[in-house]
Amino acid sequence: MSKSLKMFGLDYCSTVQKARKALTEAGWQIEFHDVKADTPSPEEWSRMLDAFGDKLVNRASLTWRGMSEEDRAAPPEQMLAARPALMKRPAIIADGQHFLGWTANVKRALGAD
C-alpha cells in the first residue's frame, strides 16, 4: 500500500520541486495543487489558515516586499486569494497531519531526509 499526501505550492518553485522529488523517492504518491494555476477557493484558504495560522503568509518573500502597507493590512484570506505566490511553500497534508515548508523536521517526519 502506497502512502499518499496532498501538497499545495507553485509548480515553478525550486523548494516545491525539491520536496516533490524527495517525497516521490521516499514512496509518497503526491496529489499536487498549483495555487497559482488553480487558486484555492476561499474555503480552502480558510482550512489551510486554520491549520497553519498566519505562518501561511510568507512575509520574507519578494511578493510581500512588493506589497503596499495597505495591502499588507488585509486579512490573510484576501492577501492569498489576490496573490497566491505569497503562500509559504509547500503546504503538505499527510495522514491528517499538516506540514509547512521544507525543513529538516518536515523531511524527517515524512521519511524524506
PDB file of N, CA and C in Angstrom:
ATOM      1  N   MET A   1       0.852  -1.194   0.000  1.00  0.00           N
ATOM      2  CA  MET A   1       0.000   0.000   0.000  1.00  0.00           C
ATOM      3  C   MET A   1       0.885   1.239   0.000  1.00  0.00           C
ATOM      4  N   SER A   2       0.629   2.136  -0.931  1.00  0.00           N
ATOM      5  CA  SER A   2       1.455   3.337  -1.023  1.00  0.00           C
ATOM      6  C   SER A   2       0.910   4.431  -0.113  1.00  0.00           C
ATOM      7  N   LYS A   3       1.799   5.290   0.293  1.00  0.00           N
ATOM      8  CA  LYS A   3       1.440   6.432   1.123  1.00  0.00           C
ATOM      9  C   LYS A   3       1.041   7.563   0.188  1.00  0.00           C
ATOM     10  N   SER A   4       0.052   8.340   0.606  1.00  0.00           N
ATOM     11  CA  SER A   4      -0.348   9.468  -0.238  1.00  0.00           C
ATOM     12  C   SER A   4      -0.476  10.721   0.608  1.00  0.00           C
ATOM     13  N   LEU A   5      -0.249  11.861  -0.053  1.00  0.00           N
ATOM     14  CA  LEU A   5      -0.360  13.149   0.612  1.00  0.00           C
ATOM     15  C   LEU A   5      -0.859  14.179  -0.384  1.00  0.00           C
ATOM     16  N   LYS A   6      -1.292  15.295   0.160  1.00  0.00           N
ATOM     17  CA  LYS A   6      -1.743  16.423  -0.653  1.00  0.00           C
ATOM     18  C   LYS A   6      -0.740  17.553  -0.437  1.00  0.00           C
ATOM     19  N   MET A   7      -0.291  18.156  -1.547  1.00  0.00           N
ATOM     20  CA  MET A   7       0.680  19.240  -1.467  1.00  0.00           C
ATOM     21  C   MET A   7       0.163  20.455  -2.224  1.00  0.00           C
ATOM     22  N   PHE A   8       0.318  21.623  -1.597  1.00  0.00           N
ATOM     23  CA  PHE A   8      -0.043  22.896  -2.215  1.00  0.00           C
ATOM     24  C   PHE A   8       1.226  23.713  -2.388  1.00  0.00           C
ATOM     25  N   GLY A   9       1.365  24.342  -3.549  1.00  0.00           N
ATOM     26  CA  GLY A   9       2.536  25.166  -3.797  1.00  0.00           C
ATOM     27  C   GLY A   9       2.500  25.724  -5.197  1.00  0.00           C
ATOM     28  N   LEU A  10       3.665  26.098  -5.683  1.00  0.00           N
ATOM     29  CA  LEU A  10       3.809  26.602  -7.043  1.00  0.00           C
ATOM     30  C   LEU A  10       4.692  25.638  -7.809  1.00  0.00           C
ATOM     31  N   ASP A  11       4.248  25.262  -8.998  1.00  0.00           N
ATOM     32  CA  ASP A  11       4.969  24.275  -9.797  1.00  0.00           C
ATOM     33  C   ASP A  11       6.398  24.720 -10.095  1.00  0.00           C
ATOM     34  N   TYR A  12       6.604  26.025 -10.276  1.00  0.00           N
ATOM     35  CA  TYR A  12       7.928  26.525 -10.643  1.00  0.00           C
ATOM     36  C   TYR A  12       8.832  26.819  -9.446  1.00  0.00           C
ATOM     37  N   CYS A  13       8.338  26.660  -8.238  1.00  0.00           N
ATOM     38  CA  CYS A  13       9.116  26.947  -7.029  1.00  0.00           C
ATOM     39  C   CYS A  13      10.180  25.861  -6.822  1.00  0.00           C
ATOM     40  N   SER A  14      11.431  26.265  -6.697  1.00  0.00           N
ATOM     41  CA  SER A  14      12.509  25.285  -6.551  1.00  0.00           C
ATOM     42  C   SER A  14      12.366  24.476  -5.265  1.00  0.00           C
ATOM     43  N   THR A  15      11.878  25.066  -4.194  1.00  0.00           N
ATOM     44  CA  THR A  15      11.680  24.334  -2.949  1.00  0.00           C
ATOM     45  C   THR A  15      10.603  23.270  -3.123  1.00  0.00           C
ATOM     46  N   VAL A  16       9.528  23.618  -3.796  1.00  0.00           N
ATOM     47  CA  VAL A  16       8.454  22.655  -4.060  1.00  0.00           C
ATOM     48  C   VAL A  16       8.969  21.526  -4.948  1.00  0.00           C
ATOM     49  N   GLN A  17       9.758  21.857  -5.949  1.00  0.00           N
ATOM     50  CA  GLN A  17      10.319  20.836  -6.831  1.00  0.00           C
ATOM     51  C   GLN A  17      11.200  19.867  -6.054  1.00  0.00           C
ATOM     52  N   LYS A  18      12.032  20.375  -5.149  1.00  0.00           N
ATOM     53  CA  LYS A  18      12.886  19.519  -4.315  1.00  0.00           C
ATOM     54  C   LYS A  18      12.041  18.628  -3.418  1.00  0.00           C
ATOM     55  N   ALA A  19      10.998  19.212  -2.823  1.00  0.00           N
ATOM     56  CA  ALA A  19      10.128  18.445  -1.933  1.00  0.00           C
ATOM     57  C   ALA A  19       9.409  17.332  -2.704  1.00  0.00           C
ATOM     58  N   ARG A  20       8.883  17.648  -3.863  1.00  0.00           N
ATOM     59  CA  ARG A  20       8.174  16.637  -4.660  1.00  0.00           C
ATOM     60  C   ARG A  20       9.113  15.491  -5.043  1.00  0.00           C
ATOM     61  N   LYS A  21      10.314  15.818  -5.454  1.00  0.00           N
ATOM     62  CA  LYS A  21      11.286  14.794  -5.854  1.00  0.00           C
ATOM     63  C   LYS A  21      11.635  13.896  -4.669  1.00  0.00           C
ATOM     64  N   ALA A  22      11.962  14.504  -3.538  1.00  0.00           N
ATOM     65  CA  ALA A  22      12.349  13.728  -2.355  1.00  0.00           C
ATOM     66  C   ALA A  22      11.198  12.861  -1.845  1.00  0.00           C
ATOM     67  N   LEU A  23       9.997  13.405  -1.847  1.00  0.00           N
ATOM     68  CA  LEU A  23       8.845  12.641  -1.357  1.00  0.00           C
ATOM     69  C   LEU A  23       8.500  11.491  -2.300  1.00  0.00           C
ATOM     70  N   THR A  24       8.604  11.719  -3.590  1.00  0.00           N
ATOM     71  CA  THR A  24       8.358  10.651  -4.562  1.00  0.00           C
ATOM     72  C   THR A  24       9.386   9.538  -4.367  1.00  0.00           C
ATOM     73  N   GLU A  25      10.648   9.917  -4.195  1.00  0.00           N
ATOM     74  CA  GLU A  25      11.698   8.924  -3.968  1.00  0.00           C
ATOM     75  C   GLU A  25      11.501   8.167  -2.660  1.00  0.00           C
ATOM     76  N   ALA A  26      10.840   8.802  -1.684  1.00  0.00           N
ATOM     77  CA  ALA A  26      10.562   8.162  -0.399  1.00  0.00           C
ATOM     78  C   ALA A  26       9.291   7.311  -0.447  1.00  0.00           C
ATOM     79  N   GLY A  27       8.657   7.229  -1.635  1.00  0.00           N
ATOM     80  CA  GLY A  27       7.499   6.359  -1.794  1.00  0.00           C
ATOM     81  C   GLY A  27       6.139   7.010  -1.648  1.00  0.00           C
ATOM     82  N   TRP A  28       6.081   8.308  -1.584  1.00  0.00           N
ATOM     83  CA  TRP A  28       4.812   9.018  -1.454  1.00  0.00           C
ATOM     84  C   TRP A  28       4.164   9.232  -2.824  1.00  0.00           C
ATOM     85  N   GLN A  29       2.857   9.055  -2.874  1.00  0.00           N
ATOM     86  CA  GLN A  29       2.034   9.450  -4.019  1.00  0.00           C
ATOM     87  C   GLN A  29       1.559  10.866  -3.693  1.00  0.00           C
ATOM     88  N   ILE A  30       1.810  11.814  -4.593  1.00  0.00           N
ATOM     89  CA  ILE A  30       1.514  13.219  -4.307  1.00  0.00           C
ATOM     90  C   ILE A  30       0.359  13.716  -5.161  1.00  0.00           C
ATOM     91  N   GLU A  31      -0.646  14.243  -4.485  1.00  0.00           N
ATOM     92  CA  GLU A  31      -1.734  14.962  -5.161  1.00  0.00           C
ATOM     93  C   GLU A  31      -1.342  16.436  -5.077  1.00  0.00           C
ATOM     94  N   PHE A  32      -0.811  16.969  -6.183  1.00  0.00           N
ATOM     95  CA  PHE A  32      -0.259  18.319  -6.169  1.00  0.00           C
ATOM     96  C   PHE A  32      -1.274  19.343  -6.653  1.00  0.00           C
ATOM     97  N   HIS A  33      -1.307  20.479  -5.951  1.00  0.00           N
ATOM     98  CA  HIS A  33      -2.193  21.592  -6.319  1.00  0.00           C
ATOM     99  C   HIS A  33      -1.341  22.844  -6.490  1.00  0.00           C
ATOM    100  N   ASP A  34      -1.240  23.324  -7.731  1.00  0.00           N
ATOM    101  CA  ASP A  34      -0.530  24.571  -8.013  1.00  0.00           C
ATOM    102  C   ASP A  34      -1.483  25.719  -7.680  1.00  0.00           C
ATOM    103  N   VAL A  35      -1.158  26.488  -6.645  1.00  0.00           N
ATOM    104  CA  VAL A  35      -2.091  27.504  -6.162  1.00  0.00           C
ATOM    105  C   VAL A  35      -2.220  28.700  -7.102  1.00  0.00           C
ATOM    106  N   LYS A  36      -1.281  28.857  -8.020  1.00  0.00           N
ATOM    107  CA  LYS A  36      -1.394  29.968  -8.983  1.00  0.00           C
ATOM    108  C   LYS A  36      -2.233  29.546 -10.190  1.00  0.00           C
ATOM    109  N   ALA A  37      -2.015  28.329 -10.668  1.00  0.00           N
ATOM    110  CA  ALA A  37      -2.761  27.837 -11.823  1.00  0.00           C
ATOM    111  C   ALA A  37      -4.197  27.487 -11.465  1.00  0.00           C
ATOM    112  N   ASP A  38      -4.402  27.026 -10.253  1.00  0.00           N
ATOM    113  CA  ASP A  38      -5.729  26.612  -9.786  1.00  0.00           C
ATOM    114  C   ASP A  38      -5.909  27.163  -8.368  1.00  0.00           C
ATOM    115  N   THR A  39      -6.186  28.469  -8.284  1.00  0.00           N
ATOM    116  CA  THR A  39      -6.259  29.145  -6.991  1.00  0.00           C
ATOM    117  C   THR A  39      -7.302  28.484  -6.086  1.00  0.00           C
ATOM    118  N   PRO A  40      -6.909  28.163  -4.854  1.00  0.00           N
ATOM    119  CA  PRO A  40      -7.862  27.575  -3.919  1.00  0.00           C
ATOM    120  C   PRO A  40      -9.061  28.492  -3.671  1.00  0.00           C
ATOM    121  N   SER A  41     -10.179  27.885  -3.353  1.00  0.00           N
ATOM    122  CA  SER A  41     -11.391  28.642  -3.030  1.00  0.00           C
ATOM    123  C   SER A  41     -11.195  29.326  -1.673  1.00  0.00           C
ATOM    124  N   PRO A  42     -12.050  30.302  -1.354  1.00  0.00           N
ATOM    125  CA  PRO A  42     -11.956  30.934  -0.024  1.00  0.00           C
ATOM    126  C   PRO A  42     -12.049  29.900   1.109  1.00  0.00           C
ATOM    127  N   GLU A  43     -12.864  28.867   0.917  1.00  0.00           N
ATOM    128  CA  GLU A  43     -12.993  27.824   1.941  1.00  0.00           C
ATOM    129  C   GLU A  43     -11.693  27.042   2.101  1.00  0.00           C
ATOM    130  N   GLU A  44     -11.020  26.745   0.973  1.00  0.00           N
ATOM    131  CA  GLU A  44      -9.753  26.024   1.046  1.00  0.00           C
ATOM    132  C   GLU A  44      -8.677  26.874   1.720  1.00  0.00           C
ATOM    133  N   TRP A  45      -8.617  28.166   1.395  1.00  0.00           N
ATOM    134  CA  TRP A  45      -7.663  29.051   2.076  1.00  0.00           C
ATOM    135  C   TRP A  45      -7.964  29.057   3.576  1.00  0.00           C
ATOM    136  N   SER A  46      -9.237  29.140   3.931  1.00  0.00           N
ATOM    137  CA  SER A  46      -9.612  29.162   5.355  1.00  0.00           C
ATOM    138  C   SER A  46      -9.173  27.890   6.067  1.00  0.00           C
ATOM    139  N   ARG A  47      -9.353  26.734   5.417  1.00  0.00           N
ATOM    140  CA  ARG A  47      -8.918  25.468   6.030  1.00  0.00           C
ATOM    141  C   ARG A  47      -7.405  25.466   6.239  1.00  0.00           C
ATOM    142  N   MET A  48      -6.665  25.954   5.239  1.00  0.00           N
ATOM    143  CA  MET A  48      -5.210  25.993   5.394  1.00  0.00           C
ATOM    144  C   MET A  48      -4.807  26.987   6.486  1.00  0.00           C
ATOM    145  N   LEU A  49      -5.486  28.123   6.549  1.00  0.00           N
ATOM    146  CA  LEU A  49      -5.181  29.094   7.600  1.00  0.00           C
ATOM    147  C   LEU A  49      -5.533  28.546   8.977  1.00  0.00           C
ATOM    148  N   ASP A  50      -6.604  27.753   9.065  1.00  0.00           N
ATOM    149  CA  ASP A  50      -6.939  27.108  10.338  1.00  0.00           C
ATOM    150  C   ASP A  50      -5.810  26.178  10.771  1.00  0.00           C
ATOM    151  N   ALA A  51      -5.229  25.478   9.805  1.00  0.00           N
ATOM    152  CA  ALA A  51      -4.167  24.515  10.112  1.00  0.00           C
ATOM    153  C   ALA A  51      -2.834  25.195  10.399  1.00  0.00           C
ATOM    154  N   PHE A  52      -2.481  26.212   9.615  1.00  0.00           N
ATOM    155  CA  PHE A  52      -1.151  26.809   9.694  1.00  0.00           C
ATOM    156  C   PHE A  52      -1.107  28.194  10.329  1.00  0.00           C
ATOM    157  N   GLY A  53      -2.261  28.832  10.460  1.00  0.00           N
ATOM    158  CA  GLY A  53      -2.287  30.186  11.005  1.00  0.00           C
ATOM    159  C   GLY A  53      -1.648  31.184  10.055  1.00  0.00           C
ATOM    160  N   ASP A  54      -1.221  32.306  10.605  1.00  0.00           N
ATOM    161  CA  ASP A  54      -0.622  33.376   9.797  1.00  0.00           C
ATOM    162  C   ASP A  54       0.713  32.973   9.185  1.00  0.00           C
ATOM    163  N   LYS A  55       1.291  31.862   9.628  1.00  0.00           N
ATOM    164  CA  LYS A  55       2.554  31.397   9.055  1.00  0.00           C
ATOM    165  C   LYS A  55       2.392  31.016   7.588  1.00  0.00           C
ATOM    166  N   LEU A  56       1.145  30.820   7.139  1.00  0.00           N
ATOM    167  CA  LEU A  56       0.893  30.503   5.738  1.00  0.00           C
ATOM    168  C   LEU A  56       1.284  31.662   4.825  1.00  0.00           C
ATOM    169  N   VAL A  57       1.270  32.880   5.363  1.00  0.00           N
ATOM    170  CA  VAL A  57       1.666  34.066   4.601  1.00  0.00           C
ATOM    171  C   VAL A  57       3.185  34.226   4.742  1.00  0.00           C
ATOM    172  N   ASN A  58       3.879  34.150   3.623  1.00  0.00           N
ATOM    173  CA  ASN A  58       5.340  34.234   3.624  1.00  0.00           C
ATOM    174  C   ASN A  58       5.777  35.700   3.620  1.00  0.00           C
ATOM    175  N   ARG A  59       6.072  36.206   4.814  1.00  0.00           N
ATOM    176  CA  ARG A  59       6.438  37.614   4.964  1.00  0.00           C
ATOM    177  C   ARG A  59       7.900  37.890   4.610  1.00  0.00           C
ATOM    178  N   ALA A  60       8.627  36.864   4.184  1.00  0.00           N
ATOM    179  CA  ALA A  60      10.018  37.049   3.741  1.00  0.00           C
ATOM    180  C   ALA A  60      10.120  37.019   2.218  1.00  0.00           C
ATOM    181  N   SER A  61       8.995  36.891   1.539  1.00  0.00           N
ATOM    182  CA  SER A  61       9.010  36.716   0.085  1.00  0.00           C
ATOM    183  C   SER A  61       9.132  38.035  -0.666  1.00  0.00           C
ATOM    184  N   LEU A  62       9.541  37.912  -1.916  1.00  0.00           N
ATOM    185  CA  LEU A  62       9.579  39.086  -2.789  1.00  0.00           C
ATOM    186  C   LEU A  62       8.182  39.659  -2.984  1.00  0.00           C
ATOM    187  N   THR A  63       7.195  38.782  -3.035  1.00  0.00           N
ATOM    188  CA  THR A  63       5.807  39.233  -3.199  1.00  0.00           C
ATOM    189  C   THR A  63       5.420  40.146  -2.040  1.00  0.00           C
ATOM    190  N   TRP A  64       5.732  39.717  -0.814  1.00  0.00           N
ATOM    191  CA  TRP A  64       5.411  40.510   0.383  1.00  0.00           C
ATOM    192  C   TRP A  64       6.126  41.862   0.338  1.00  0.00           C
ATOM    193  N   ARG A  65       7.402  41.850  -0.015  1.00  0.00           N
ATOM    194  CA  ARG A  65       8.179  43.085  -0.030  1.00  0.00           C
ATOM    195  C   ARG A  65       7.663  44.069  -1.068  1.00  0.00           C
ATOM    196  N   GLY A  66       7.009  43.571  -2.106  1.00  0.00           N
ATOM    197  CA  GLY A  66       6.470  44.436  -3.142  1.00  0.00           C
ATOM    198  C   GLY A  66       5.077  44.965  -2.847  1.00  0.00           C
ATOM    199  N   MET A  67       4.505  44.565  -1.720  1.00  0.00           N
ATOM    200  CA  MET A  67       3.144  44.985  -1.381  1.00  0.00           C
ATOM    201  C   MET A  67       3.151  46.305  -0.607  1.00  0.00           C
ATOM    202  N   SER A  68       2.083  47.070  -0.774  1.00  0.00           N
ATOM    203  CA  SER A  68       1.937  48.316  -0.016  1.00  0.00           C
ATOM    204  C   SER A  68       1.528  47.990   1.422  1.00  0.00           C
ATOM    205  N   GLU A  69       1.680  48.952   2.303  1.00  0.00           N
ATOM    206  CA  GLU A  69       1.253  48.758   3.705  1.00  0.00           C
ATOM    207  C   GLU A  69      -0.250  48.471   3.770  1.00  0.00           C
ATOM    208  N   GLU A  70      -0.997  49.124   2.904  1.00  0.00           N
ATOM    209  CA  GLU A  70      -2.445  48.906   2.865  1.00  0.00           C
ATOM    210  C   GLU A  70      -2.757  47.452   2.485  1.00  0.00           C
ATOM    211  N   ASP A  71      -2.052  46.926   1.466  1.00  0.00           N
ATOM    212  CA  ASP A  71      -2.262  45.533   1.055  1.00  0.00           C
ATOM    213  C   ASP A  71      -1.862  44.562   2.158  1.00  0.00           C
ATOM    214  N   ARG A  72      -0.790  44.886   2.877  1.00  0.00           N
ATOM    215  CA  ARG A  72      -0.316  44.017   3.966  1.00  0.00           C
ATOM    216  C   ARG A  72      -1.285  43.981   5.141  1.00  0.00           C
ATOM    217  N   ALA A  73      -2.133  44.986   5.259  1.00  0.00           N
ATOM    218  CA  ALA A  73      -3.088  45.061   6.363  1.00  0.00           C
ATOM    219  C   ALA A  73      -4.351  44.234   6.096  1.00  0.00           C
ATOM    220  N   ALA A  74      -4.499  43.729   4.887  1.00  0.00           N
ATOM    221  CA  ALA A  74      -5.695  42.937   4.540  1.00  0.00           C
ATOM    222  C   ALA A  74      -5.684  41.605   5.301  1.00  0.00           C
ATOM    223  N   PRO A  75      -6.857  41.004   5.482  1.00  0.00           N
ATOM    224  CA  PRO A  75      -6.908  39.676   6.105  1.00  0.00           C
ATOM    225  C   PRO A  75      -6.127  38.661   5.253  1.00  0.00           C
ATOM    226  N   PRO A  76      -5.516  37.667   5.890  1.00  0.00           N
ATOM    227  CA  PRO A  76      -4.719  36.683   5.147  1.00  0.00           C
ATOM    228  C   PRO A  76      -5.465  36.029   3.986  1.00  0.00           C
ATOM    229  N   GLU A  77      -6.748  35.721   4.170  1.00  0.00           N
ATOM    230  CA  GLU A  77      -7.522  35.092   3.098  1.00  0.00           C
ATOM    231  C   GLU A  77      -7.535  35.967   1.849  1.00  0.00           C
ATOM    232  N   GLN A  78      -7.710  37.271   2.037  1.00  0.00           N
ATOM    233  CA  GLN A  78      -7.746  38.195   0.905  1.00  0.00           C
ATOM    234  C   GLN A  78      -6.372  38.317   0.256  1.00  0.00           C
ATOM    235  N   MET A  79      -5.324  38.401   1.078  1.00  0.00           N
ATOM    236  CA  MET A  79      -3.969  38.512   0.529  1.00  0.00           C
ATOM    237  C   MET A  79      -3.628  37.291  -0.316  1.00  0.00           C
ATOM    238  N   LEU A  80      -3.926  36.104   0.203  1.00  0.00           N
ATOM    239  CA  LEU A  80      -3.587  34.871  -0.503  1.00  0.00           C
ATOM    240  C   LEU A  80      -4.431  34.680  -1.761  1.00  0.00           C
ATOM    241  N   ALA A  81      -5.693  35.057  -1.698  1.00  0.00           N
ATOM    242  CA  ALA A  81      -6.550  34.933  -2.876  1.00  0.00           C
ATOM    243  C   ALA A  81      -6.067  35.862  -3.991  1.00  0.00           C
ATOM    244  N   ALA A  82      -5.615  37.054  -3.622  1.00  0.00           N
ATOM    245  CA  ALA A  82      -5.154  38.026  -4.613  1.00  0.00           C
ATOM    246  C   ALA A  82      -3.749  37.706  -5.120  1.00  0.00           C
ATOM    247  N   ARG A  83      -2.924  37.119  -4.247  1.00  0.00           N
ATOM    248  CA  ARG A  83      -1.519  36.835  -4.584  1.00  0.00           C
ATOM    249  C   ARG A  83      -1.139  35.441  -4.075  1.00  0.00           C
ATOM    250  N   PRO A  84      -1.517  34.385  -4.787  1.00  0.00           N
ATOM    251  CA  PRO A  84      -1.224  33.033  -4.319  1.00  0.00           C
ATOM    252  C   PRO A  84       0.269  32.766  -4.103  1.00  0.00           C
ATOM    253  N   ALA A  85       1.144  33.475  -4.820  1.00  0.00           N
ATOM    254  CA  ALA A  85       2.586  33.283  -4.649  1.00  0.00           C
ATOM    255  C   ALA A  85       3.053  33.739  -3.266  1.00  0.00           C
ATOM    256  N   LEU A  86       2.211  34.420  -2.524  1.00  0.00           N
ATOM    257  CA  LEU A  86       2.521  34.877  -1.174  1.00  0.00           C
ATOM    258  C   LEU A  86       2.529  33.721  -0.163  1.00  0.00           C
ATOM    259  N   MET A  87       1.991  32.592  -0.559  1.00  0.00           N
ATOM    260  CA  MET A  87       1.901  31.437   0.340  1.00  0.00           C
ATOM    261  C   MET A  87       3.278  30.842   0.621  1.00  0.00           C
ATOM    262  N   LYS A  88       3.537  30.527   1.895  1.00  0.00           N
ATOM    263  CA  LYS A  88       4.749  29.792   2.240  1.00  0.00           C
ATOM    264  C   LYS A  88       4.583  28.395   1.668  1.00  0.00           C
ATOM    265  N   ARG A  89       5.681  27.857   1.091  1.00  0.00           N
ATOM    266  CA  ARG A  89       5.543  26.593   0.382  1.00  0.00           C
ATOM    267  C   ARG A  89       6.633  25.611   0.768  1.00  0.00           C
ATOM    268  N   PRO A  90       6.296  24.350   0.592  1.00  0.00           N
ATOM    269  CA  PRO A  90       4.981  23.776   0.295  1.00  0.00           C
ATOM    270  C   PRO A  90       4.144  23.624   1.558  1.00  0.00           C
ATOM    271  N   ALA A  91       2.853  23.527   1.377  1.00  0.00           N
ATOM    272  CA  ALA A  91       1.927  23.165   2.447  1.00  0.00           C
ATOM    273  C   ALA A  91       1.533  21.720   2.164  1.00  0.00           C
ATOM    274  N   ILE A  92       1.737  20.854   3.147  1.00  0.00           N
ATOM    275  CA  ILE A  92       1.540  19.417   2.954  1.00  0.00           C
ATOM    276  C   ILE A  92       0.558  18.882   3.986  1.00  0.00           C
ATOM    277  N   ILE A  93      -0.352  18.049   3.515  1.00  0.00           N
ATOM    278  CA  ILE A  93      -1.276  17.342   4.403  1.00  0.00           C
ATOM    279  C   ILE A  93      -1.061  15.857   4.169  1.00  0.00           C
ATOM    280  N   ALA A  94      -0.627  15.156   5.225  1.00  0.00           N
ATOM    281  CA  ALA A  94      -0.341  13.724   5.120  1.00  0.00           C
ATOM    282  C   ALA A  94      -0.821  13.023   6.378  1.00  0.00           C
ATOM    283  N   ASP A  95      -1.638  12.013   6.203  1.00  0.00           N
ATOM    284  CA  ASP A  95      -2.143  11.229   7.330  1.00  0.00           C
ATOM    285  C   ASP A  95      -2.751  12.108   8.427  1.00  0.00           C
ATOM    286  N   GLY A  96      -3.490  13.146   8.012  1.00  0.00           N
ATOM    287  CA  GLY A  96      -4.153  14.021   8.968  1.00  0.00           C
ATOM    288  C   GLY A  96      -3.232  15.032   9.639  1.00  0.00           C
ATOM    289  N   GLN A  97      -1.958  15.018   9.295  1.00  0.00           N
ATOM    290  CA  GLN A  97      -1.012  15.980   9.852  1.00  0.00           C
ATOM    291  C   GLN A  97      -0.732  17.064   8.817  1.00  0.00           C
ATOM    292  N   HIS A  98      -0.406  18.252   9.307  1.00  0.00           N
ATOM    293  CA  HIS A  98      -0.142  19.397   8.442  1.00  0.00           C
ATOM    294  C   HIS A  98       1.306  19.843   8.601  1.00  0.00           C
ATOM    295  N   PHE A  99       1.973  20.060   7.481  1.00  0.00           N
ATOM    296  CA  PHE A  99       3.369  20.485   7.473  1.00  0.00           C
ATOM    297  C   PHE A  99       3.507  21.703   6.566  1.00  0.00           C
ATOM    298  N   LEU A 100       4.334  22.659   6.989  1.00  0.00           N
ATOM    299  CA  LEU A 100       4.525  23.866   6.204  1.00  0.00           C
ATOM    300  C   LEU A 100       6.014  24.106   5.997  1.00  0.00           C
ATOM    301  N   GLY A 101       6.404  24.282   4.740  1.00  0.00           N
ATOM    302  CA  GLY A 101       7.800  24.486   4.410  1.00  0.00           C
ATOM    303  C   GLY A 101       8.496  23.161   4.146  1.00  0.00           C
ATOM    304  N   TRP A 102       9.778  23.245   3.831  1.00  0.00           N
ATOM    305  CA  TRP A 102      10.567  22.047   3.538  1.00  0.00           C
ATOM    306  C   TRP A 102      11.808  22.094   4.430  1.00  0.00           C
ATOM    307  N   THR A 103      11.555  21.925   5.725  1.00  0.00           N
ATOM    308  CA  THR A 103      12.610  21.986   6.730  1.00  0.00           C
ATOM    309  C   THR A 103      13.092  20.582   7.070  1.00  0.00           C
ATOM    310  N   ALA A 104      14.170  20.510   7.828  1.00  0.00           N
ATOM    311  CA  ALA A 104      14.701  19.217   8.274  1.00  0.00           C
ATOM    312  C   ALA A 104      13.646  18.447   9.066  1.00  0.00           C
ATOM    313  N   ASN A 105      12.873  19.142   9.882  1.00  0.00           N
ATOM    314  CA  ASN A 105      11.836  18.472  10.673  1.00  0.00           C
ATOM    315  C   ASN A 105      10.735  17.880   9.791  1.00  0.00           C
ATOM    316  N   VAL A 106      10.342  18.605   8.752  1.00  0.00           N
ATOM    317  CA  VAL A 106       9.315  18.115   7.825  1.00  0.00           C
ATOM    318  C   VAL A 106       9.856  16.901   7.067  1.00  0.00           C
ATOM    319  N   LYS A 107      11.076  17.006   6.579  1.00  0.00           N
ATOM    320  CA  LYS A 107      11.699  15.886   5.849  1.00  0.00           C
ATOM    321  C   LYS A 107      11.745  14.647   6.733  1.00  0.00           C
ATOM    322  N   ARG A 108      12.178  14.815   7.962  1.00  0.00           N
ATOM    323  CA  ARG A 108      12.293  13.694   8.893  1.00  0.00           C
ATOM    324  C   ARG A 108      10.910  13.083   9.187  1.00  0.00           C
ATOM    325  N   ALA A 109       9.928  13.939   9.433  1.00  0.00           N
ATOM    326  CA  ALA A 109       8.578  13.442   9.746  1.00  0.00           C
ATOM    327  C   ALA A 109       7.973  12.641   8.606  1.00  0.00           C
ATOM    328  N   LEU A 110       8.342  12.988   7.369  1.00  0.00           N
ATOM    329  CA  LEU A 110       7.781  12.306   6.206  1.00  0.00           C
ATOM    330  C   LEU A 110       8.725  11.249   5.630  1.00  0.00           C
ATOM    331  N   GLY A 111       9.828  10.993   6.321  1.00  0.00           N
ATOM    332  CA  GLY A 111      10.762   9.965   5.884  1.00  0.00           C
ATOM    333  C   GLY A 111      11.484  10.290   4.603  1.00  0.00           C
ATOM    334  N   ALA A 112      11.727  11.590   4.369  1.00  0.00           N
ATOM    335  CA  ALA A 112      12.380  12.017   3.128  1.00  0.00           C
ATOM    336  C   ALA A 112      13.707  12.710   3.418  1.00  0.00           C
ATOM    337  N   ASP A 113      14.321  12.369   4.543  1.00  0.00           N
ATOM    338  CA  ASP A 113      15.582  13.025   4.895  1.00  0.00           C
ATOM    339  C   ASP A 113      16.781  12.238   4.412  1.00  0.00           C
TER     340      ASP A 113
END
